[in-house]
C-alpha atoms as a PDB file:
ATOM      1  CA  MET A   1      65.041 245.718 -14.275  1.00  0.00           C
ATOM      2  CA  PRO A   2      62.398 243.055 -15.035  1.00  0.00           C
ATOM      3  CA  ALA A   3      61.088 240.871 -12.256  1.00  0.00           C
ATOM      4  CA  VAL A   4      62.152 237.245 -12.101  1.00  0.00           C
ATOM      5  CA  VAL A   5      59.339 234.683 -11.938  1.00  0.00           C
ATOM      6  CA  TYR A   6      59.277 230.963 -11.351  1.00  0.00           C
ATOM      7  CA  LEU A   7      56.829 228.893 -13.383  1.00  0.00           C
ATOM      8  CA  PHE A   8      55.917 225.219 -13.589  1.00  0.00           C
ATOM      9  CA  GLY A   9      56.019 223.927 -17.153  1.00  0.00           C
ATOM     10  CA  PHE A  10      54.602 220.701 -18.565  1.00  0.00           C
ATOM     11  CA  MET A  11      54.455 219.228 -22.064  1.00  0.00           C
ATOM     12  CA  SER A  12      51.597 217.158 -23.403  1.00  0.00           C
ATOM     13  CA  ASP A  13      53.976 214.410 -24.552  1.00  0.00           C
ATOM     14  CA  ASP A  14      56.126 214.208 -21.411  1.00  0.00           C
ATOM     15  CA  PHE A  15      55.316 213.134 -17.869  1.00  0.00           C
ATOM     16  CA  LEU A  16      57.885 215.361 -16.111  1.00  0.00           C
ATOM     17  CA  GLY A  17      57.170 218.894 -15.016  1.00  0.00           C
ATOM     18  CA  ARG A  18      59.945 221.441 -14.863  1.00  0.00           C
ATOM     19  CA  VAL A  19      60.480 224.600 -12.861  1.00  0.00           C
ATOM     20  CA  LEU A  20      61.633 227.556 -14.916  1.00  0.00           C
ATOM     21  CA  VAL A  21      63.062 230.722 -13.392  1.00  0.00           C
ATOM     22  CA  THR A  22      63.080 233.497 -15.945  1.00  0.00           C
ATOM     23  CA  PRO A  23      62.662 237.261 -16.371  1.00  0.00           C
ATOM     24  CA  SER A  24      59.055 238.365 -16.753  1.00  0.00           C
ATOM     25  CA  GLU A  25      60.078 240.173 -19.955  1.00  0.00           C
ATOM     26  CA  GLN A  26      60.898 236.853 -21.676  1.00  0.00           C
ATOM     27  CA  THR A  27      58.392 236.038 -24.430  1.00  0.00           C
ATOM     28  CA  VAL A  28      55.974 233.149 -24.105  1.00  0.00           C
ATOM     29  CA  GLY A  29      57.383 231.734 -27.348  1.00  0.00           C
ATOM     30  CA  ARG A  30      60.943 231.744 -26.019  1.00  0.00           C
ATOM     31  CA  LEU A  31      59.752 230.193 -22.750  1.00  0.00           C
ATOM     32  CA  ALA A  32      58.125 227.391 -24.761  1.00  0.00           C
ATOM     33  CA  GLU A  33      61.258 226.837 -26.853  1.00  0.00           C
ATOM     34  CA  GLN A  34      63.305 226.544 -23.676  1.00  0.00           C
ATOM     35  CA  LEU A  35      60.961 223.957 -22.170  1.00  0.00           C
ATOM     36  CA  VAL A  36      60.797 221.947 -25.414  1.00  0.00           C
ATOM     37  CA  SER A  37      64.610 221.884 -25.636  1.00  0.00           C
ATOM     38  CA  TRP A  38      64.770 220.215 -22.205  1.00  0.00           C
ATOM     39  CA  GLY A  39      62.192 217.563 -23.077  1.00  0.00           C
ATOM     40  CA  TRP A  40      62.768 213.940 -23.937  1.00  0.00           C
ATOM     41  CA  ASN A  41      62.216 214.600 -27.644  1.00  0.00           C
ATOM     42  CA  PRO A  42      63.620 218.090 -28.409  1.00  0.00           C
ATOM     43  CA  GLU A  43      64.239 217.368 -32.091  1.00  0.00           C
ATOM     44  CA  ARG A  44      60.513 216.963 -32.678  1.00  0.00           C
ATOM     45  CA  ARG A  45      59.641 220.271 -34.266  1.00  0.00           C
ATOM     46  CA  ALA A  46      55.881 219.849 -34.444  1.00  0.00           C
ATOM     47  CA  ARG A  47      53.758 222.927 -34.012  1.00  0.00           C
ATOM     48  CA  TYR A  48      52.709 223.589 -30.468  1.00  0.00           C
ATOM     49  CA  ARG A  49      50.453 225.789 -28.396  1.00  0.00           C
ATOM     50  CA  VAL A  50      51.162 227.314 -24.999  1.00  0.00           C
ATOM     51  CA  LEU A  51      48.262 227.167 -22.545  1.00  0.00           C
ATOM     52  CA  ASN A  52      47.878 228.694 -19.121  1.00  0.00           C
ATOM     53  CA  GLU A  53      46.427 226.823 -16.161  1.00  0.00           C
ATOM     54  CA  ALA A  54      42.863 227.663 -17.232  1.00  0.00           C
ATOM     55  CA  GLY A  55      43.461 226.229 -20.717  1.00  0.00           C
ATOM     56  CA  THR A  56      43.619 229.572 -22.513  1.00  0.00           C
ATOM     57  CA  VAL A  57      46.004 229.647 -25.475  1.00  0.00           C
ATOM     58  CA  LEU A  58      48.728 232.262 -24.950  1.00  0.00           C
ATOM     59  CA  ASP A  59      50.134 234.421 -27.740  1.00  0.00           C
ATOM     60  CA  PRO A  60      53.833 233.499 -28.163  1.00  0.00           C
ATOM     61  CA  ALA A  61      54.705 237.127 -28.973  1.00  0.00           C
ATOM     62  CA  LEU A  62      53.570 238.367 -25.548  1.00  0.00           C
ATOM     63  CA  THR A  63      55.949 238.658 -22.644  1.00  0.00           C
ATOM     64  CA  ILE A  64      55.314 236.450 -19.636  1.00  0.00           C
ATOM     65  CA  ALA A  65      54.042 239.489 -17.743  1.00  0.00           C
ATOM     66  CA  GLN A  66      51.740 240.561 -20.600  1.00  0.00           C
ATOM     67  CA  ALA A  67      50.340 237.025 -20.803  1.00  0.00           C
ATOM     68  CA  GLY A  68      49.388 237.247 -17.130  1.00  0.00           C
ATOM     69  CA  LEU A  69      51.750 234.552 -15.866  1.00  0.00           C
ATOM     70  CA  SER A  70      53.249 235.112 -12.423  1.00  0.00           C
ATOM     71  CA  ASN A  71      55.096 233.241  -9.679  1.00  0.00           C
ATOM     72  CA  GLY A  72      53.910 229.693  -9.208  1.00  0.00           C
ATOM     73  CA  ASP A  73      51.717 229.578 -12.302  1.00  0.00           C
ATOM     74  CA  ILE A  74      51.472 226.419 -14.384  1.00  0.00           C
ATOM     75  CA  PHE A  75      51.696 226.412 -18.156  1.00  0.00           C
ATOM     76  CA  THR A  76      51.482 223.568 -20.643  1.00  0.00           C
ATOM     77  CA  ILE A  77      52.989 223.072 -24.067  1.00  0.00           C
ATOM     78  CA  ASP A  78      50.517 221.166 -26.236  1.00  0.00           C
ATOM     79  CA  ARG A  79      52.632 219.516 -28.915  1.00  0.00           C
ATOM     80  CA  GLY A  80      49.657 217.837 -30.594  1.00  0.00           C
END
């Protein structure tokens, strides 16, 4: 059974952060889609990048665990 992690997610075009509780086997891409769907402008389908706290771009195909995200980590969706 995969571990459950809690993460803090932010979007570059939103001022609210959100806490996400999700299985560590969830993909980074799916995690990003979930956060975008909760944002103030979910219909905006611009391309985006997922960055970890250090600013490294994460591969959306990786699982949260493979990407190195763990409890309490911050990630950002850059919807530039």
